[in-house]
Amino acid sequence: MSAVDTAAGQDARTWAVVLNDEEQYSVWPADRQPPAGWTAVGAQGTREECLAHIATVWTDLRPLSLRRRMAA
């Protein structure tokens, strides 16, 4: 079975939740270094589990710089 089991339509890879300097979240393959400007935050699992985690913690989708400008 490959990382992506096309017969079952399931992605068997482990994913990591990553965060950038603007406090925006994404998912990234856990076995790879996050791209420049992104940091793994510790949550890992299936893609669906990572997306569910993001949905619970990322409640304000505005970038950090915009939130700061609006607060000033």
N, C-alpha and C. Protein backbone atom coordinates (compact mmCIF):
# COMPACT_ATOMS: atom_id res chain seq x y z
N MET A 1 0.84 -1.18 0.00
CA MET A 1 0.00 0.00 0.00
C MET A 1 0.89 1.24 0.00
N SER A 2 0.57 2.18 -0.85
CA SER A 2 1.32 3.43 -0.91
C SER A 2 0.79 4.39 0.16
N ALA A 3 1.45 5.55 0.27
CA ALA A 3 1.00 6.54 1.25
C ALA A 3 -0.44 6.96 0.99
N VAL A 4 -0.79 7.01 -0.28
CA VAL A 4 -2.17 7.32 -0.63
C VAL A 4 -2.75 6.05 -1.26
N ASP A 5 -3.65 5.42 -0.55
CA ASP A 5 -4.29 4.20 -1.04
C ASP A 5 -5.42 4.59 -1.97
N THR A 6 -5.09 4.62 -3.27
CA THR A 6 -6.08 5.11 -4.23
C THR A 6 -7.28 4.19 -4.35
N ALA A 7 -7.11 2.90 -4.09
CA ALA A 7 -8.24 1.97 -4.18
C ALA A 7 -9.29 2.31 -3.12
N ALA A 8 -8.84 2.61 -1.93
CA ALA A 8 -9.77 2.92 -0.85
C ALA A 8 -10.06 4.42 -0.77
N GLY A 9 -9.28 5.23 -1.50
CA GLY A 9 -9.48 6.68 -1.45
C GLY A 9 -9.02 7.29 -0.14
N GLN A 10 -8.21 6.58 0.61
CA GLN A 10 -7.76 7.07 1.92
C GLN A 10 -6.30 7.49 1.85
N ASP A 11 -5.98 8.54 2.54
CA ASP A 11 -4.61 9.03 2.65
C ASP A 11 -4.04 8.46 3.94
N ALA A 12 -3.06 7.57 3.83
CA ALA A 12 -2.51 6.90 5.00
C ALA A 12 -1.35 7.65 5.64
N ARG A 13 -1.00 8.81 5.09
CA ARG A 13 0.11 9.57 5.66
C ARG A 13 -0.28 10.19 6.99
N THR A 14 0.74 10.51 7.78
CA THR A 14 0.54 11.28 9.01
C THR A 14 0.80 12.74 8.66
N TRP A 15 -0.10 13.59 9.10
CA TRP A 15 -0.03 15.02 8.83
C TRP A 15 0.28 15.77 10.12
N ALA A 16 0.83 16.97 9.98
CA ALA A 16 1.12 17.85 11.10
C ALA A 16 0.41 19.18 10.90
N VAL A 17 -0.02 19.78 11.98
CA VAL A 17 -0.59 21.13 11.93
C VAL A 17 0.57 22.10 12.01
N VAL A 18 0.58 23.07 11.09
CA VAL A 18 1.64 24.08 11.06
C VAL A 18 1.03 25.47 11.16
N LEU A 19 1.82 26.41 11.63
CA LEU A 19 1.38 27.78 11.90
C LEU A 19 2.42 28.74 11.34
N ASN A 20 1.95 29.84 10.73
CA ASN A 20 2.91 30.84 10.23
C ASN A 20 2.93 32.07 11.14
N ASP A 21 3.74 33.05 10.78
CA ASP A 21 3.91 34.24 11.61
C ASP A 21 2.64 35.09 11.69
N GLU A 22 1.72 34.90 10.77
CA GLU A 22 0.45 35.63 10.78
C GLU A 22 -0.62 34.85 11.55
N GLU A 23 -0.20 33.77 12.22
CA GLU A 23 -1.09 32.90 13.01
C GLU A 23 -2.18 32.27 12.14
N GLN A 24 -1.77 31.86 10.94
CA GLN A 24 -2.63 31.13 10.04
C GLN A 24 -2.20 29.67 10.08
N TYR A 25 -3.16 28.76 10.05
CA TYR A 25 -2.88 27.34 10.18
C TYR A 25 -2.99 26.63 8.84
N SER A 26 -2.29 25.50 8.75
CA SER A 26 -2.38 24.62 7.59
C SER A 26 -1.96 23.22 8.01
N VAL A 27 -2.03 22.28 7.09
CA VAL A 27 -1.53 20.93 7.34
C VAL A 27 -0.35 20.68 6.41
N TRP A 28 0.57 19.84 6.88
CA TRP A 28 1.79 19.54 6.14
C TRP A 28 2.17 18.10 6.45
N PRO A 29 2.71 17.36 5.48
CA PRO A 29 3.13 15.99 5.79
C PRO A 29 4.10 15.97 6.97
N ALA A 30 3.82 15.12 7.96
CA ALA A 30 4.59 15.11 9.21
C ALA A 30 6.03 14.66 9.00
N ASP A 31 6.29 13.93 7.93
CA ASP A 31 7.65 13.43 7.70
C ASP A 31 8.51 14.42 6.91
N ARG A 32 8.00 15.61 6.67
CA ARG A 32 8.75 16.65 5.95
C ARG A 32 8.88 17.89 6.81
N GLN A 33 9.95 18.62 6.61
CA GLN A 33 10.13 19.90 7.31
C GLN A 33 9.08 20.88 6.79
N PRO A 34 8.47 21.67 7.66
CA PRO A 34 7.54 22.68 7.17
C PRO A 34 8.27 23.68 6.27
N PRO A 35 7.56 24.30 5.35
CA PRO A 35 8.20 25.30 4.49
C PRO A 35 8.66 26.51 5.30
N ALA A 36 9.51 27.30 4.71
CA ALA A 36 10.02 28.50 5.37
C ALA A 36 8.86 29.37 5.84
N GLY A 37 8.96 29.84 7.08
CA GLY A 37 7.93 30.69 7.65
C GLY A 37 6.83 29.94 8.38
N TRP A 38 6.88 28.63 8.38
CA TRP A 38 5.87 27.80 9.05
C TRP A 38 6.53 26.96 10.12
N THR A 39 5.81 26.71 11.23
CA THR A 39 6.31 25.94 12.36
C THR A 39 5.28 24.90 12.75
N ALA A 40 5.73 23.67 12.99
CA ALA A 40 4.82 22.63 13.47
C ALA A 40 4.41 22.98 14.90
N VAL A 41 3.11 22.81 15.21
CA VAL A 41 2.61 23.17 16.53
C VAL A 41 2.41 21.97 17.44
N GLY A 42 2.71 20.78 16.96
CA GLY A 42 2.64 19.59 17.81
C GLY A 42 1.49 18.66 17.52
N ALA A 43 0.42 19.13 16.93
CA ALA A 43 -0.72 18.27 16.63
C ALA A 43 -0.42 17.48 15.36
N GLN A 44 -0.64 16.16 15.42
CA GLN A 44 -0.43 15.28 14.27
C GLN A 44 -1.54 14.26 14.21
N GLY A 45 -1.73 13.69 13.04
CA GLY A 45 -2.73 12.64 12.86
C GLY A 45 -3.11 12.53 11.40
N THR A 46 -4.30 12.03 11.16
CA THR A 46 -4.79 11.99 9.78
C THR A 46 -5.05 13.42 9.33
N ARG A 47 -5.21 13.58 8.05
CA ARG A 47 -5.51 14.92 7.53
C ARG A 47 -6.81 15.44 8.15
N GLU A 48 -7.79 14.57 8.25
CA GLU A 48 -9.08 14.96 8.82
C GLU A 48 -8.95 15.36 10.29
N GLU A 49 -8.15 14.61 11.05
CA GLU A 49 -7.93 14.96 12.47
C GLU A 49 -7.24 16.31 12.59
N CYS A 50 -6.26 16.56 11.73
CA CYS A 50 -5.56 17.85 11.78
C CYS A 50 -6.49 18.99 11.40
N LEU A 51 -7.31 18.79 10.39
CA LEU A 51 -8.25 19.83 9.99
C LEU A 51 -9.28 20.08 11.09
N ALA A 52 -9.70 19.03 11.79
CA ALA A 52 -10.63 19.19 12.90
C ALA A 52 -9.98 20.00 14.02
N HIS A 53 -8.71 19.73 14.31
CA HIS A 53 -7.98 20.48 15.33
C HIS A 53 -7.91 21.96 14.94
N ILE A 54 -7.58 22.22 13.68
CA ILE A 54 -7.50 23.61 13.20
C ILE A 54 -8.85 24.30 13.37
N ALA A 55 -9.93 23.60 13.06
CA ALA A 55 -11.26 24.19 13.17
C ALA A 55 -11.59 24.61 14.61
N THR A 56 -11.01 23.92 15.59
CA THR A 56 -11.30 24.27 16.98
C THR A 56 -10.40 25.39 17.50
N VAL A 57 -9.18 25.51 16.98
CA VAL A 57 -8.25 26.51 17.52
C VAL A 57 -8.16 27.78 16.70
N TRP A 58 -8.51 27.72 15.43
CA TRP A 58 -8.39 28.90 14.57
C TRP A 58 -9.76 29.54 14.43
N THR A 59 -10.13 30.30 15.42
CA THR A 59 -11.48 30.87 15.48
C THR A 59 -11.58 32.25 14.83
N ASP A 60 -10.47 32.93 14.67
CA ASP A 60 -10.45 34.23 14.02
C ASP A 60 -9.54 34.12 12.80
N LEU A 61 -10.11 34.08 11.62
CA LEU A 61 -9.34 33.82 10.41
C LEU A 61 -8.56 35.02 9.89
N ARG A 62 -8.72 36.16 10.54
CA ARG A 62 -7.97 37.34 10.10
C ARG A 62 -6.49 37.16 10.43
N PRO A 63 -5.59 37.57 9.51
CA PRO A 63 -4.16 37.51 9.81
C PRO A 63 -3.83 38.36 11.04
N LEU A 64 -2.79 37.99 11.76
CA LEU A 64 -2.38 38.71 12.96
C LEU A 64 -2.15 40.19 12.69
N SER A 65 -1.52 40.51 11.57
CA SER A 65 -1.24 41.93 11.28
C SER A 65 -2.54 42.73 11.14
N LEU A 66 -3.55 42.15 10.54
CA LEU A 66 -4.84 42.84 10.42
C LEU A 66 -5.51 43.00 11.79
N ARG A 67 -5.47 41.96 12.61
CA ARG A 67 -6.06 42.06 13.96
C ARG A 67 -5.38 43.16 14.76
N ARG A 68 -4.06 43.25 14.64
CA ARG A 68 -3.32 44.30 15.36
C ARG A 68 -3.69 45.69 14.86
N ARG A 69 -3.80 45.84 13.54
CA ARG A 69 -4.18 47.14 12.97
C ARG A 69 -5.58 47.54 13.43
N MET A 70 -6.48 46.61 13.45
CA MET A 70 -7.86 46.92 13.83
C MET A 70 -7.97 47.24 15.33
N ALA A 71 -7.07 46.68 16.13
CA ALA A 71 -7.09 46.93 17.57
C ALA A 71 -6.48 48.29 17.92
N ALA A 72 -5.65 48.81 17.01
CA ALA A 72 -4.96 50.09 17.28
C ALA A 72 -5.88 51.28 17.10
